[in-house]
Amino acid sequence: MTLLLHGLGNALYNALAQRLPGALAKKFDSTVFHGTAPGSDFDTLAAATAVSLGTLGVYDGVVSAMGTIATAGYDMNGIVLAPQGEGLLYGEKDGNDRPLFIDNAATQGSIGSVLGRPIFKSRAAYKDATTDVLGFAGDWSQAMWGTVEDVQIKISDQATLNVGETTINLFQQNMFAVLAEIEVGFIVADDDAFVRLTA
């Protein structure tokens, strides 16, 4: 998996060096959640069964996801939500117009948990308004990831970049490129241990 970034000088390079780990993590997350496997024996969750929080309602949708995963023989032990899903979660209220999934909306700053299952947030869990994927729920003990070595970084001012239909020669533009590579793997024991939460 490769991420290519270009810059304008040493100050920008220093800024990019601080941001590369987050950029690589975002690329990894988006590949695992929605992407095409970058090689053999790399799994993704893109084809997981969809459960609609929009059609069923948030509470019933989460319960349906739990039931779908349980029917497959697994225990839903965590949820990853995009910020768009977080908005739906905070908007769910009981019959007395009180927030359903948080103890105290005024003081609790994190998503916390839903029905005793922890919730983690990742912007990469969202997929466009057409697909409307808001997150993933599953038995995360059925998924593993690993890395072979540290992040490999190369710097060049001789490379060319394709930006849309335009080719940019870095040397001619007094620019340089930072190529950051990671070699990682992700594997899921059974796809049925996960569901996609959609709007």
C-alpha atoms as a PDB file:
ATOM      1  CA  MET A   1       0.000   0.000   0.000  1.00  0.00           C
ATOM      2  CA  THR A   2       1.609   3.259  -1.054  1.00  0.00           C
ATOM      3  CA  LEU A   3       0.835   6.861  -0.270  1.00  0.00           C
ATOM      4  CA  LEU A   4       2.628   9.578  -2.251  1.00  0.00           C
ATOM      5  CA  LEU A   5       2.767  13.122  -0.933  1.00  0.00           C
ATOM      6  CA  HIS A   6       4.529  16.130  -2.407  1.00  0.00           C
ATOM      7  CA  GLY A   7       5.693  19.331  -0.774  1.00  0.00           C
ATOM      8  CA  LEU A   8       7.255  22.743  -1.328  1.00  0.00           C
ATOM      9  CA  GLY A   9      10.213  22.850   1.069  1.00  0.00           C
ATOM     10  CA  ASN A  10      11.845  21.752   4.309  1.00  0.00           C
ATOM     11  CA  ALA A  11       9.210  23.282   6.561  1.00  0.00           C
ATOM     12  CA  LEU A  12       6.473  21.427   4.709  1.00  0.00           C
ATOM     13  CA  TYR A  13       8.483  18.216   4.818  1.00  0.00           C
ATOM     14  CA  ASN A  14       8.746  18.504   8.604  1.00  0.00           C
ATOM     15  CA  ALA A  15       4.981  18.975   8.815  1.00  0.00           C
ATOM     16  CA  LEU A  16       4.364  15.980   6.553  1.00  0.00           C
ATOM     17  CA  ALA A  17       6.720  13.812   8.570  1.00  0.00           C
ATOM     18  CA  GLN A  18       4.489  14.397  11.587  1.00  0.00           C
ATOM     19  CA  ARG A  19       1.325  13.639   9.600  1.00  0.00           C
ATOM     20  CA  LEU A  20       2.441  10.546   7.681  1.00  0.00           C
ATOM     21  CA  PRO A  21       1.538   7.997  10.392  1.00  0.00           C
ATOM     22  CA  GLY A  22      -2.037   9.327  10.496  1.00  0.00           C
ATOM     23  CA  ALA A  23      -2.261   9.387   6.698  1.00  0.00           C
ATOM     24  CA  LEU A  24      -1.048   5.798   6.455  1.00  0.00           C
ATOM     25  CA  ALA A  25      -3.484   4.731   9.179  1.00  0.00           C
ATOM     26  CA  LYS A  26      -6.361   6.398   7.304  1.00  0.00           C
ATOM     27  CA  LYS A  27      -5.334   4.650   4.085  1.00  0.00           C
ATOM     28  CA  PHE A  28      -5.188   1.305   5.900  1.00  0.00           C
ATOM     29  CA  ASP A  29      -8.609   1.843   7.524  1.00  0.00           C
ATOM     30  CA  SER A  30     -10.284   2.900   4.280  1.00  0.00           C
ATOM     31  CA  THR A  31      -8.803  -0.129   2.481  1.00  0.00           C
ATOM     32  CA  VAL A  32      -9.976  -2.534   5.190  1.00  0.00           C
ATOM     33  CA  PHE A  33     -13.459  -1.011   5.344  1.00  0.00           C
ATOM     34  CA  HIS A  34     -14.235  -0.218   1.714  1.00  0.00           C
ATOM     35  CA  GLY A  35     -11.318  -0.901  -0.567  1.00  0.00           C
ATOM     36  CA  THR A  36     -10.032  -3.520  -2.908  1.00  0.00           C
ATOM     37  CA  ALA A  37      -7.482  -5.874  -1.382  1.00  0.00           C
ATOM     38  CA  PRO A  38      -4.016  -4.628  -2.348  1.00  0.00           C
ATOM     39  CA  GLY A  39      -2.728  -8.188  -2.725  1.00  0.00           C
ATOM     40  CA  SER A  40      -3.501 -11.835  -2.140  1.00  0.00           C
ATOM     41  CA  ASP A  41      -4.515 -12.991   1.326  1.00  0.00           C
ATOM     42  CA  PHE A  42      -5.616  -9.501   2.363  1.00  0.00           C
ATOM     43  CA  ASP A  43      -9.245  -9.330   3.490  1.00  0.00           C
ATOM     44  CA  THR A  44     -11.632  -6.376   3.525  1.00  0.00           C
ATOM     45  CA  LEU A  45     -15.042  -5.783   5.111  1.00  0.00           C
ATOM     46  CA  ALA A  46     -16.470  -4.174   1.965  1.00  0.00           C
ATOM     47  CA  ALA A  47     -18.824  -7.099   1.262  1.00  0.00           C
ATOM     48  CA  ALA A  48     -20.100  -7.561   4.828  1.00  0.00           C
ATOM     49  CA  THR A  49     -23.880  -7.891   5.199  1.00  0.00           C
ATOM     50  CA  ALA A  50     -25.591  -4.488   5.371  1.00  0.00           C
ATOM     51  CA  VAL A  51     -27.870  -3.550   8.278  1.00  0.00           C
ATOM     52  CA  SER A  52     -29.774  -0.286   7.846  1.00  0.00           C
ATOM     53  CA  LEU A  53     -29.925   2.119  10.762  1.00  0.00           C
ATOM     54  CA  GLY A  54     -32.078   4.394   8.604  1.00  0.00           C
ATOM     55  CA  THR A  55     -34.807   1.904   7.749  1.00  0.00           C
ATOM     56  CA  LEU A  56     -34.917   0.097  11.102  1.00  0.00           C
ATOM     57  CA  GLY A  57     -34.040   3.066  13.316  1.00  0.00           C
ATOM     58  CA  VAL A  58     -30.786   3.325  15.242  1.00  0.00           C
ATOM     59  CA  TYR A  59     -31.744   1.208  18.248  1.00  0.00           C
ATOM     60  CA  ASP A  60     -33.461  -1.529  16.266  1.00  0.00           C
ATOM     61  CA  GLY A  61     -30.634  -1.436  13.720  1.00  0.00           C
ATOM     62  CA  VAL A  62     -27.991  -2.042  16.377  1.00  0.00           C
ATOM     63  CA  VAL A  63     -30.092  -4.875  17.853  1.00  0.00           C
ATOM     64  CA  SER A  64     -30.536  -6.339  14.360  1.00  0.00           C
ATOM     65  CA  ALA A  65     -26.763  -6.171  13.782  1.00  0.00           C
ATOM     66  CA  MET A  66     -26.227  -7.946  17.097  1.00  0.00           C
ATOM     67  CA  GLY A  67     -28.730 -10.649  16.111  1.00  0.00           C
ATOM     68  CA  THR A  68     -27.257 -11.100  12.626  1.00  0.00           C
ATOM     69  CA  ILE A  69     -23.784 -11.597  14.078  1.00  0.00           C
ATOM     70  CA  ALA A  70     -25.114 -13.926  16.812  1.00  0.00           C
ATOM     71  CA  THR A  71     -26.984 -16.035  14.235  1.00  0.00           C
ATOM     72  CA  ALA A  72     -23.651 -16.582  12.473  1.00  0.00           C
ATOM     73  CA  GLY A  73     -22.234 -17.908  15.754  1.00  0.00           C
ATOM     74  CA  TYR A  74     -20.355 -14.821  16.917  1.00  0.00           C
ATOM     75  CA  ASP A  75     -20.660 -12.140  19.610  1.00  0.00           C
ATOM     76  CA  MET A  76     -20.777  -8.476  18.596  1.00  0.00           C
ATOM     77  CA  ASN A  77     -18.073  -7.038  20.837  1.00  0.00           C
ATOM     78  CA  GLY A  78     -17.437  -3.651  19.236  1.00  0.00           C
ATOM     79  CA  ILE A  79     -18.599  -1.019  16.757  1.00  0.00           C
ATOM     80  CA  VAL A  80     -16.618   1.377  14.570  1.00  0.00           C
ATOM     81  CA  LEU A  81     -18.610   4.478  13.597  1.00  0.00           C
ATOM     82  CA  ALA A  82     -17.882   7.335  11.240  1.00  0.00           C
ATOM     83  CA  PRO A  83     -18.725  10.861  12.462  1.00  0.00           C
ATOM     84  CA  GLN A  84     -21.864  10.679  10.278  1.00  0.00           C
ATOM     85  CA  GLY A  85     -22.977   7.643  12.298  1.00  0.00           C
ATOM     86  CA  GLU A  86     -22.124   9.386  15.539  1.00  0.00           C
ATOM     87  CA  GLY A  87     -24.639  12.091  14.636  1.00  0.00           C
ATOM     88  CA  LEU A  88     -27.390   9.497  14.245  1.00  0.00           C
ATOM     89  CA  LEU A  89     -26.406   7.866  17.520  1.00  0.00           C
ATOM     90  CA  TYR A  90     -26.548  11.119  19.494  1.00  0.00           C
ATOM     91  CA  GLY A  91     -29.899  11.947  17.893  1.00  0.00           C
ATOM     92  CA  GLU A  92     -31.594   8.764  19.117  1.00  0.00           C
ATOM     93  CA  LYS A  93     -33.919   9.599  22.036  1.00  0.00           C
ATOM     94  CA  ASP A  94     -36.360   7.790  24.257  1.00  0.00           C
ATOM     95  CA  GLY A  95     -40.058   8.593  24.667  1.00  0.00           C
ATOM     96  CA  ASN A  96     -39.199  11.438  27.084  1.00  0.00           C
ATOM     97  CA  ASP A  97     -36.856  13.094  24.573  1.00  0.00           C
ATOM     98  CA  ARG A  98     -33.716  12.060  26.486  1.00  0.00           C
ATOM     99  CA  PRO A  99     -30.590  10.794  24.676  1.00  0.00           C
ATOM    100  CA  LEU A 100     -30.794   7.015  24.508  1.00  0.00           C
ATOM    101  CA  PHE A 101     -27.170   6.012  24.102  1.00  0.00           C
ATOM    102  CA  ILE A 102     -25.257   8.416  26.371  1.00  0.00           C
ATOM    103  CA  ASP A 103     -25.441   8.980  30.112  1.00  0.00           C
ATOM    104  CA  ASN A 104     -25.174  12.750  30.053  1.00  0.00           C
ATOM    105  CA  ALA A 105     -25.079  14.647  26.771  1.00  0.00           C
ATOM    106  CA  ALA A 106     -23.718  17.771  28.468  1.00  0.00           C
ATOM    107  CA  THR A 107     -20.617  16.164  29.998  1.00  0.00           C
ATOM    108  CA  GLN A 108     -19.802  12.960  28.162  1.00  0.00           C
ATOM    109  CA  GLY A 109     -17.357  13.773  25.368  1.00  0.00           C
ATOM    110  CA  SER A 110     -16.915  10.356  23.791  1.00  0.00           C
ATOM    111  CA  ILE A 111     -19.267   7.982  22.061  1.00  0.00           C
ATOM    112  CA  GLY A 112     -18.844   5.489  24.886  1.00  0.00           C
ATOM    113  CA  SER A 113     -20.801   2.283  24.366  1.00  0.00           C
ATOM    114  CA  VAL A 114     -24.053   0.983  22.974  1.00  0.00           C
ATOM    115  CA  LEU A 115     -25.793  -1.918  24.674  1.00  0.00           C
ATOM    116  CA  GLY A 116     -22.568  -2.640  26.550  1.00  0.00           C
ATOM    117  CA  ARG A 117     -20.443  -2.751  23.386  1.00  0.00           C
ATOM    118  CA  PRO A 118     -17.640  -0.182  23.024  1.00  0.00           C
ATOM    119  CA  ILE A 119     -17.760   2.241  20.118  1.00  0.00           C
ATOM    120  CA  PHE A 120     -14.698   3.545  18.320  1.00  0.00           C
ATOM    121  CA  LYS A 121     -14.673   6.389  15.837  1.00  0.00           C
ATOM    122  CA  SER A 122     -12.955   6.427  12.437  1.00  0.00           C
ATOM    123  CA  ARG A 123     -13.576   8.920   9.643  1.00  0.00           C
ATOM    124  CA  ALA A 124     -12.509   6.194   7.204  1.00  0.00           C
ATOM    125  CA  ALA A 125     -15.557   4.092   8.169  1.00  0.00           C
ATOM    126  CA  TYR A 126     -17.826   6.391   6.117  1.00  0.00           C
ATOM    127  CA  LYS A 127     -18.442   5.736   2.452  1.00  0.00           C
ATOM    128  CA  ASP A 128     -20.110   8.268   0.131  1.00  0.00           C
ATOM    129  CA  ALA A 129     -23.725   9.403   0.273  1.00  0.00           C
ATOM    130  CA  THR A 130     -24.751   6.852  -2.379  1.00  0.00           C
ATOM    131  CA  THR A 131     -23.543   3.833  -0.403  1.00  0.00           C
ATOM    132  CA  ASP A 132     -24.083   5.581   2.939  1.00  0.00           C
ATOM    133  CA  VAL A 133     -21.964   3.250   5.060  1.00  0.00           C
ATOM    134  CA  LEU A 134     -21.808   4.698   8.571  1.00  0.00           C
ATOM    135  CA  GLY A 135     -19.676   2.048  10.256  1.00  0.00           C
ATOM    136  CA  PHE A 136     -19.103  -1.592  11.059  1.00  0.00           C
ATOM    137  CA  ALA A 137     -20.095  -3.878  13.906  1.00  0.00           C
ATOM    138  CA  GLY A 138     -18.697  -7.285  14.591  1.00  0.00           C
ATOM    139  CA  ASP A 139     -16.792  -9.819  16.579  1.00  0.00           C
ATOM    140  CA  TRP A 140     -13.368  -8.207  16.341  1.00  0.00           C
ATOM    141  CA  SER A 141     -11.686 -11.287  17.809  1.00  0.00           C
ATOM    142  CA  GLN A 142     -12.245 -12.754  14.329  1.00  0.00           C
ATOM    143  CA  ALA A 143     -10.001 -10.143  12.649  1.00  0.00           C
ATOM    144  CA  MET A 144      -6.249  -9.679  12.855  1.00  0.00           C
ATOM    145  CA  TRP A 145      -3.789  -7.244  11.364  1.00  0.00           C
ATOM    146  CA  GLY A 146      -0.031  -7.169  11.352  1.00  0.00           C
ATOM    147  CA  THR A 147       2.922  -5.349   9.892  1.00  0.00           C
ATOM    148  CA  VAL A 148       6.169  -6.748   8.536  1.00  0.00           C
ATOM    149  CA  GLU A 149       8.506  -3.831   9.276  1.00  0.00           C
ATOM    150  CA  ASP A 150       8.633  -0.138  10.083  1.00  0.00           C
ATOM    151  CA  VAL A 151       7.393   2.573   7.731  1.00  0.00           C
ATOM    152  CA  GLN A 152       9.797   2.919   4.793  1.00  0.00           C
ATOM    153  CA  ILE A 153      10.356   6.485   3.576  1.00  0.00           C
ATOM    154  CA  LYS A 154      12.025   7.674   0.386  1.00  0.00           C
ATOM    155  CA  ILE A 155      12.554  11.293  -0.705  1.00  0.00           C
ATOM    156  CA  SER A 156      12.991  12.414  -4.298  1.00  0.00           C
ATOM    157  CA  ASP A 157      13.015  15.614  -6.327  1.00  0.00           C
ATOM    158  CA  GLN A 158      13.311  13.673  -9.607  1.00  0.00           C
ATOM    159  CA  ALA A 159       9.921  11.965  -9.592  1.00  0.00           C
ATOM    160  CA  THR A 160       6.886  12.887 -11.656  1.00  0.00           C
ATOM    161  CA  LEU A 161       3.359  12.969 -10.297  1.00  0.00           C
ATOM    162  CA  ASN A 162       0.097  12.498 -12.134  1.00  0.00           C
ATOM    163  CA  VAL A 163      -2.535  14.868 -10.759  1.00  0.00           C
ATOM    164  CA  GLY A 164      -5.672  14.200 -12.766  1.00  0.00           C
ATOM    165  CA  GLU A 165      -4.691  14.692 -16.404  1.00  0.00           C
ATOM    166  CA  THR A 166      -1.635  16.799 -15.517  1.00  0.00           C
ATOM    167  CA  THR A 167       1.887  15.419 -15.113  1.00  0.00           C
ATOM    168  CA  ILE A 168       4.101  17.382 -12.731  1.00  0.00           C
ATOM    169  CA  ASN A 169       7.895  17.111 -12.885  1.00  0.00           C
ATOM    170  CA  LEU A 170       9.041  17.810  -9.339  1.00  0.00           C
ATOM    171  CA  PHE A 171      12.522  19.033 -10.288  1.00  0.00           C
ATOM    172  CA  GLN A 172      11.118  21.578 -12.729  1.00  0.00           C
ATOM    173  CA  GLN A 173       8.695  22.836 -10.086  1.00  0.00           C
ATOM    174  CA  ASN A 174      11.349  22.999  -7.314  1.00  0.00           C
ATOM    175  CA  MET A 175       9.388  20.388  -5.349  1.00  0.00           C
ATOM    176  CA  PHE A 176      10.138  17.075  -3.703  1.00  0.00           C
ATOM    177  CA  ALA A 177       8.114  13.970  -2.948  1.00  0.00           C
ATOM    178  CA  VAL A 178       7.943  11.822   0.137  1.00  0.00           C
ATOM    179  CA  LEU A 179       7.062   8.197  -0.561  1.00  0.00           C
ATOM    180  CA  ALA A 180       5.889   6.360   2.555  1.00  0.00           C
ATOM    181  CA  GLU A 181       5.263   2.628   2.358  1.00  0.00           C
ATOM    182  CA  ILE A 182       3.956   0.113   4.843  1.00  0.00           C
ATOM    183  CA  GLU A 183       3.658  -3.616   4.397  1.00  0.00           C
ATOM    184  CA  VAL A 184       0.630  -4.772   6.348  1.00  0.00           C
ATOM    185  CA  GLY A 185      -1.858  -7.585   6.365  1.00  0.00           C
ATOM    186  CA  PHE A 186      -5.477  -7.909   7.475  1.00  0.00           C
ATOM    187  CA  ILE A 187      -7.379 -11.170   7.714  1.00  0.00           C
ATOM    188  CA  VAL A 188     -10.893 -12.093   8.821  1.00  0.00           C
ATOM    189  CA  ALA A 189     -11.625 -15.643   9.978  1.00  0.00           C
ATOM    190  CA  ASP A 190     -15.276 -15.420   8.840  1.00  0.00           C
ATOM    191  CA  ASP A 191     -16.969 -12.561   6.962  1.00  0.00           C
ATOM    192  CA  ASP A 192     -20.245 -13.381   8.752  1.00  0.00           C
ATOM    193  CA  ALA A 193     -18.732 -12.086  12.002  1.00  0.00           C
ATOM    194  CA  PHE A 194     -19.199  -8.512  10.702  1.00  0.00           C
ATOM    195  CA  VAL A 195     -21.945  -6.258   9.337  1.00  0.00           C
ATOM    196  CA  ARG A 196     -21.926  -2.878   7.605  1.00  0.00           C
ATOM    197  CA  LEU A 197     -24.101  -0.245   9.275  1.00  0.00           C
ATOM    198  CA  THR A 198     -25.794   1.914   6.650  1.00  0.00           C
ATOM    199  CA  ALA A 199     -28.138   4.876   6.641  1.00  0.00           C
END
